[in-house]
Amino acid sequence: MVQVHKVGMADLKVAKKPDELMTSGLGSCIGICLYDKVTGVSGLAHIMLPSSKGVKNADNKAKFADTAVDVLISEMVRIGAKSNRLTAKIAGGSQMFSFKGSSDVMKIGLRNAEAAKEAIAKARIPLLAEDCGGNHGRTIVFKTETGELYIRTIKQGEKVI
């Protein structure tokens, strides 16, 4: 029987096939999905911010793109994944609110997406697919059995990457 593991904001979880990983409320946040196709071991991090540097309380490693990927890899390896087989998919990074001016500081969704890609590249994990940007929230479900990432959005329906 398939169990759905719900991942909260600034949280991460790992699972083995046939279970699924799910998170909702991805606005400017990013869902980072890692997958070992051979074992079906998968992980999902719901990151809120691009970097833990300069933050007073950076204890929650799942909250930041620059720290969540390493924790996710460690947790996946602990339950049977091989780090050299991992692949990645990401979703989220919307610009949920409009701000005057063009400062990138307020473009947190874009900054989160860039930081997630950098962390994945630093870990030498191929990024197979992404669904980032726009101005809509997302709910995602990662299927450990197939490596498919289901993305639901209001008014735009569902797609699979």
C-alpha atoms as a PDB file:
ATOM      1  CA  MET A   1       0.000   0.000   0.000  1.00  0.00           C
ATOM      2  CA  VAL A   2       1.287   3.439  -0.973  1.00  0.00           C
ATOM      3  CA  GLN A   3       1.886   5.838   1.880  1.00  0.00           C
ATOM      4  CA  VAL A   4       1.965   9.586   1.182  1.00  0.00           C
ATOM      5  CA  HIS A   5       4.594  11.429   3.217  1.00  0.00           C
ATOM      6  CA  LYS A   6       3.579  15.069   3.671  1.00  0.00           C
ATOM      7  CA  VAL A   7       6.439  17.539   3.731  1.00  0.00           C
ATOM      8  CA  GLY A   8       5.785  20.828   5.473  1.00  0.00           C
ATOM      9  CA  MET A   9       7.296  24.220   4.815  1.00  0.00           C
ATOM     10  CA  ALA A  10      11.009  24.324   5.751  1.00  0.00           C
ATOM     11  CA  ASP A  11      10.909  20.545   6.068  1.00  0.00           C
ATOM     12  CA  LEU A  12      12.290  17.518   4.247  1.00  0.00           C
ATOM     13  CA  LYS A  13      11.537  13.823   4.112  1.00  0.00           C
ATOM     14  CA  VAL A  14      12.822  10.711   2.397  1.00  0.00           C
ATOM     15  CA  ALA A  15      10.904   7.639   1.262  1.00  0.00           C
ATOM     16  CA  LYS A  16      11.291   4.330  -0.539  1.00  0.00           C
ATOM     17  CA  LYS A  17       9.150   3.053  -3.374  1.00  0.00           C
ATOM     18  CA  PRO A  18       6.185   2.693  -3.655  1.00  0.00           C
ATOM     19  CA  ASP A  19       5.540   5.594  -1.265  1.00  0.00           C
ATOM     20  CA  GLU A  20       4.993   9.177  -2.424  1.00  0.00           C
ATOM     21  CA  LEU A  21       6.263  12.545  -1.203  1.00  0.00           C
ATOM     22  CA  MET A  22       3.923  15.536  -1.243  1.00  0.00           C
ATOM     23  CA  THR A  23       4.098  19.211  -0.385  1.00  0.00           C
ATOM     24  CA  SER A  24       1.688  22.077  -0.902  1.00  0.00           C
ATOM     25  CA  GLY A  25       1.928  25.824  -0.580  1.00  0.00           C
ATOM     26  CA  LEU A  26       4.827  26.265  -2.985  1.00  0.00           C
ATOM     27  CA  GLY A  27       4.649  29.944  -3.825  1.00  0.00           C
ATOM     28  CA  SER A  28       8.094  31.504  -3.768  1.00  0.00           C
ATOM     29  CA  CYS A  29       9.334  28.334  -2.040  1.00  0.00           C
ATOM     30  CA  ILE A  30      10.973  25.531  -4.020  1.00  0.00           C
ATOM     31  CA  GLY A  31      10.312  21.818  -3.852  1.00  0.00           C
ATOM     32  CA  ILE A  32      13.586  19.977  -4.471  1.00  0.00           C
ATOM     33  CA  CYS A  33      13.084  16.319  -5.400  1.00  0.00           C
ATOM     34  CA  LEU A  34      16.015  13.902  -5.505  1.00  0.00           C
ATOM     35  CA  TYR A  35      15.697  10.358  -6.846  1.00  0.00           C
ATOM     36  CA  ASP A  36      17.732   7.155  -7.080  1.00  0.00           C
ATOM     37  CA  LYS A  37      16.116   5.237  -9.943  1.00  0.00           C
ATOM     38  CA  VAL A  38      17.738   1.917  -9.021  1.00  0.00           C
ATOM     39  CA  THR A  39      16.482   1.750  -5.417  1.00  0.00           C
ATOM     40  CA  GLY A  40      13.466   4.056  -5.674  1.00  0.00           C
ATOM     41  CA  VAL A  41      14.793   6.003  -2.691  1.00  0.00           C
ATOM     42  CA  SER A  42      13.606   9.595  -3.007  1.00  0.00           C
ATOM     43  CA  GLY A  43      13.710  12.817  -1.069  1.00  0.00           C
ATOM     44  CA  LEU A  44      11.773  16.076  -1.037  1.00  0.00           C
ATOM     45  CA  ALA A  45      12.832  19.350   0.576  1.00  0.00           C
ATOM     46  CA  HIS A  46      10.478  22.356   0.795  1.00  0.00           C
ATOM     47  CA  ILE A  47      12.935  25.252   0.990  1.00  0.00           C
ATOM     48  CA  MET A  48      11.893  28.793   1.875  1.00  0.00           C
ATOM     49  CA  LEU A  49      15.065  30.839   1.442  1.00  0.00           C
ATOM     50  CA  PRO A  50      18.117  30.731  -0.818  1.00  0.00           C
ATOM     51  CA  SER A  51      20.887  30.977   1.762  1.00  0.00           C
ATOM     52  CA  SER A  52      21.581  30.306   5.419  1.00  0.00           C
ATOM     53  CA  LYS A  53      24.505  32.750   5.418  1.00  0.00           C
ATOM     54  CA  GLY A  54      23.934  35.862   7.502  1.00  0.00           C
ATOM     55  CA  VAL A  55      20.773  34.452   9.089  1.00  0.00           C
ATOM     56  CA  LYS A  56      20.657  34.625  12.898  1.00  0.00           C
ATOM     57  CA  ASN A  57      18.964  31.263  13.350  1.00  0.00           C
ATOM     58  CA  ALA A  58      20.012  28.827  10.618  1.00  0.00           C
ATOM     59  CA  ASP A  59      19.486  25.692  12.706  1.00  0.00           C
ATOM     60  CA  ASN A  60      16.761  24.337  10.416  1.00  0.00           C
ATOM     61  CA  LYS A  61      18.843  23.088   7.468  1.00  0.00           C
ATOM     62  CA  ALA A  62      15.686  22.208   5.488  1.00  0.00           C
ATOM     63  CA  LYS A  63      14.734  25.888   5.293  1.00  0.00           C
ATOM     64  CA  PHE A  64      17.592  26.926   2.997  1.00  0.00           C
ATOM     65  CA  ALA A  65      18.608  25.830  -0.496  1.00  0.00           C
ATOM     66  CA  ASP A  66      22.311  25.935   0.373  1.00  0.00           C
ATOM     67  CA  THR A  67      21.946  23.442   3.238  1.00  0.00           C
ATOM     68  CA  ALA A  68      18.873  21.310   2.440  1.00  0.00           C
ATOM     69  CA  VAL A  69      20.378  19.444  -0.515  1.00  0.00           C
ATOM     70  CA  ASP A  70      23.279  18.053   1.536  1.00  0.00           C
ATOM     71  CA  VAL A  71      20.943  16.928   4.326  1.00  0.00           C
ATOM     72  CA  LEU A  72      18.594  15.325   1.801  1.00  0.00           C
ATOM     73  CA  ILE A  73      21.482  13.411   0.199  1.00  0.00           C
ATOM     74  CA  SER A  74      22.697  12.167   3.602  1.00  0.00           C
ATOM     75  CA  GLU A  75      19.225  10.999   4.622  1.00  0.00           C
ATOM     76  CA  MET A  76      18.702   9.230   1.280  1.00  0.00           C
ATOM     77  CA  VAL A  77      22.074   7.449   1.457  1.00  0.00           C
ATOM     78  CA  ARG A  78      21.237   6.375   5.013  1.00  0.00           C
ATOM     79  CA  ILE A  79      18.213   4.416   3.705  1.00  0.00           C
ATOM     80  CA  GLY A  80      19.857   2.897   0.644  1.00  0.00           C
ATOM     81  CA  ALA A  81      20.400   5.450  -2.144  1.00  0.00           C
ATOM     82  CA  LYS A  82      23.750   5.912  -3.873  1.00  0.00           C
ATOM     83  CA  SER A  83      24.722   9.565  -4.205  1.00  0.00           C
ATOM     84  CA  ASN A  84      26.296   9.040  -7.639  1.00  0.00           C
ATOM     85  CA  ARG A  85      22.948   7.821  -9.043  1.00  0.00           C
ATOM     86  CA  LEU A  86      20.817  10.754  -7.884  1.00  0.00           C
ATOM     87  CA  THR A  87      18.859  12.956 -10.247  1.00  0.00           C
ATOM     88  CA  ALA A  88      16.826  16.067  -9.435  1.00  0.00           C
ATOM     89  CA  LYS A  89      13.603  17.838 -10.349  1.00  0.00           C
ATOM     90  CA  ILE A  90      12.412  21.158  -8.907  1.00  0.00           C
ATOM     91  CA  ALA A  91       9.194  23.169  -8.840  1.00  0.00           C
ATOM     92  CA  GLY A  92       8.008  26.457  -7.337  1.00  0.00           C
ATOM     93  CA  GLY A  93       9.759  29.796  -7.230  1.00  0.00           C
ATOM     94  CA  SER A  94       6.784  31.966  -8.130  1.00  0.00           C
ATOM     95  CA  GLN A  95       6.632  35.726  -7.793  1.00  0.00           C
ATOM     96  CA  MET A  96       3.467  35.803  -5.716  1.00  0.00           C
ATOM     97  CA  PHE A  97       3.361  39.557  -5.146  1.00  0.00           C
ATOM     98  CA  SER A  98       4.098  42.547  -7.321  1.00  0.00           C
ATOM     99  CA  PHE A  99       6.648  45.099  -6.135  1.00  0.00           C
ATOM    100  CA  LYS A 100       7.565  48.464  -7.613  1.00  0.00           C
ATOM    101  CA  GLY A 101      11.081  48.697  -8.963  1.00  0.00           C
ATOM    102  CA  SER A 102      13.274  45.960 -10.306  1.00  0.00           C
ATOM    103  CA  SER A 103      15.354  44.987  -7.289  1.00  0.00           C
ATOM    104  CA  ASP A 104      16.183  41.282  -7.202  1.00  0.00           C
ATOM    105  CA  VAL A 105      16.019  41.370  -3.389  1.00  0.00           C
ATOM    106  CA  MET A 106      12.235  41.167  -3.538  1.00  0.00           C
ATOM    107  CA  LYS A 107      12.284  38.434  -6.211  1.00  0.00           C
ATOM    108  CA  ILE A 108      12.593  35.666  -3.649  1.00  0.00           C
ATOM    109  CA  GLY A 109      11.088  32.996  -5.926  1.00  0.00           C
ATOM    110  CA  LEU A 110      13.698  33.634  -8.617  1.00  0.00           C
ATOM    111  CA  ARG A 111      16.486  33.708  -6.014  1.00  0.00           C
ATOM    112  CA  ASN A 112      15.225  30.445  -4.484  1.00  0.00           C
ATOM    113  CA  ALA A 113      15.176  28.731  -7.891  1.00  0.00           C
ATOM    114  CA  GLU A 114      18.700  29.907  -8.707  1.00  0.00           C
ATOM    115  CA  ALA A 115      20.012  28.827  -5.296  1.00  0.00           C
ATOM    116  CA  ALA A 116      18.356  25.405  -5.603  1.00  0.00           C
ATOM    117  CA  LYS A 117      19.968  24.875  -9.014  1.00  0.00           C
ATOM    118  CA  GLU A 118      23.353  25.966  -7.634  1.00  0.00           C
ATOM    119  CA  ALA A 119      23.104  23.562  -4.677  1.00  0.00           C
ATOM    120  CA  ILE A 120      22.106  20.693  -6.967  1.00  0.00           C
ATOM    121  CA  ALA A 121      24.962  21.474  -9.377  1.00  0.00           C
ATOM    122  CA  LYS A 122      27.441  21.749  -6.488  1.00  0.00           C
ATOM    123  CA  ALA A 123      26.392  18.233  -5.401  1.00  0.00           C
ATOM    124  CA  ARG A 124      26.968  17.062  -9.010  1.00  0.00           C
ATOM    125  CA  ILE A 125      23.388  15.933  -9.429  1.00  0.00           C
ATOM    126  CA  PRO A 126      21.828  16.255 -12.897  1.00  0.00           C
ATOM    127  CA  LEU A 127      18.725  18.481 -12.943  1.00  0.00           C
ATOM    128  CA  LEU A 128      16.330  16.615 -15.235  1.00  0.00           C
ATOM    129  CA  ALA A 129      13.339  18.955 -15.150  1.00  0.00           C
ATOM    130  CA  GLU A 130      11.929  22.080 -13.552  1.00  0.00           C
ATOM    131  CA  ASP A 131       8.687  24.003 -13.340  1.00  0.00           C
ATOM    132  CA  CYS A 132       9.614  27.354 -11.811  1.00  0.00           C
ATOM    133  CA  GLY A 133       8.448  30.938 -11.966  1.00  0.00           C
ATOM    134  CA  GLY A 134       5.097  32.423 -12.822  1.00  0.00           C
ATOM    135  CA  ASN A 135       2.729  33.909 -10.277  1.00  0.00           C
ATOM    136  CA  HIS A 136       0.820  30.862  -9.066  1.00  0.00           C
ATOM    137  CA  GLY A 137       1.140  28.441  -6.196  1.00  0.00           C
ATOM    138  CA  ARG A 138       1.810  24.758  -6.647  1.00  0.00           C
ATOM    139  CA  THR A 139       1.194  21.448  -4.931  1.00  0.00           C
ATOM    140  CA  ILE A 140       3.582  18.683  -5.917  1.00  0.00           C
ATOM    141  CA  VAL A 141       3.575  14.912  -5.542  1.00  0.00           C
ATOM    142  CA  PHE A 142       6.722  12.904  -6.264  1.00  0.00           C
ATOM    143  CA  LYS A 143       6.187   9.264  -7.262  1.00  0.00           C
ATOM    144  CA  THR A 144       9.046   7.117  -5.929  1.00  0.00           C
ATOM    145  CA  GLU A 145       7.963   4.238  -8.154  1.00  0.00           C
ATOM    146  CA  THR A 146       8.549   6.157 -11.405  1.00  0.00           C
ATOM    147  CA  GLY A 147      10.454   9.359 -10.610  1.00  0.00           C
ATOM    148  CA  GLU A 148       7.583  11.433 -11.980  1.00  0.00           C
ATOM    149  CA  LEU A 149       6.771  14.786 -10.413  1.00  0.00           C
ATOM    150  CA  TYR A 150       3.079  15.721 -10.542  1.00  0.00           C
ATOM    151  CA  ILE A 151       2.435  19.465 -10.314  1.00  0.00           C
ATOM    152  CA  ARG A 152      -1.018  20.916  -9.588  1.00  0.00           C
ATOM    153  CA  THR A 153      -1.839  24.586  -9.915  1.00  0.00           C
ATOM    154  CA  ILE A 154      -5.063  26.517  -9.555  1.00  0.00           C
ATOM    155  CA  LYS A 155      -6.456  27.507 -12.969  1.00  0.00           C
ATOM    156  CA  GLN A 156      -3.651  25.686 -14.798  1.00  0.00           C
ATOM    157  CA  GLY A 157      -4.474  22.101 -13.922  1.00  0.00           C
ATOM    158  CA  GLU A 158      -1.956  19.310 -13.510  1.00  0.00           C
ATOM    159  CA  LYS A 159       1.194  18.398 -15.396  1.00  0.00           C
ATOM    160  CA  VAL A 160       3.917  15.811 -15.005  1.00  0.00           C
ATOM    161  CA  ILE A 161       7.633  16.383 -15.378  1.00  0.00           C
END
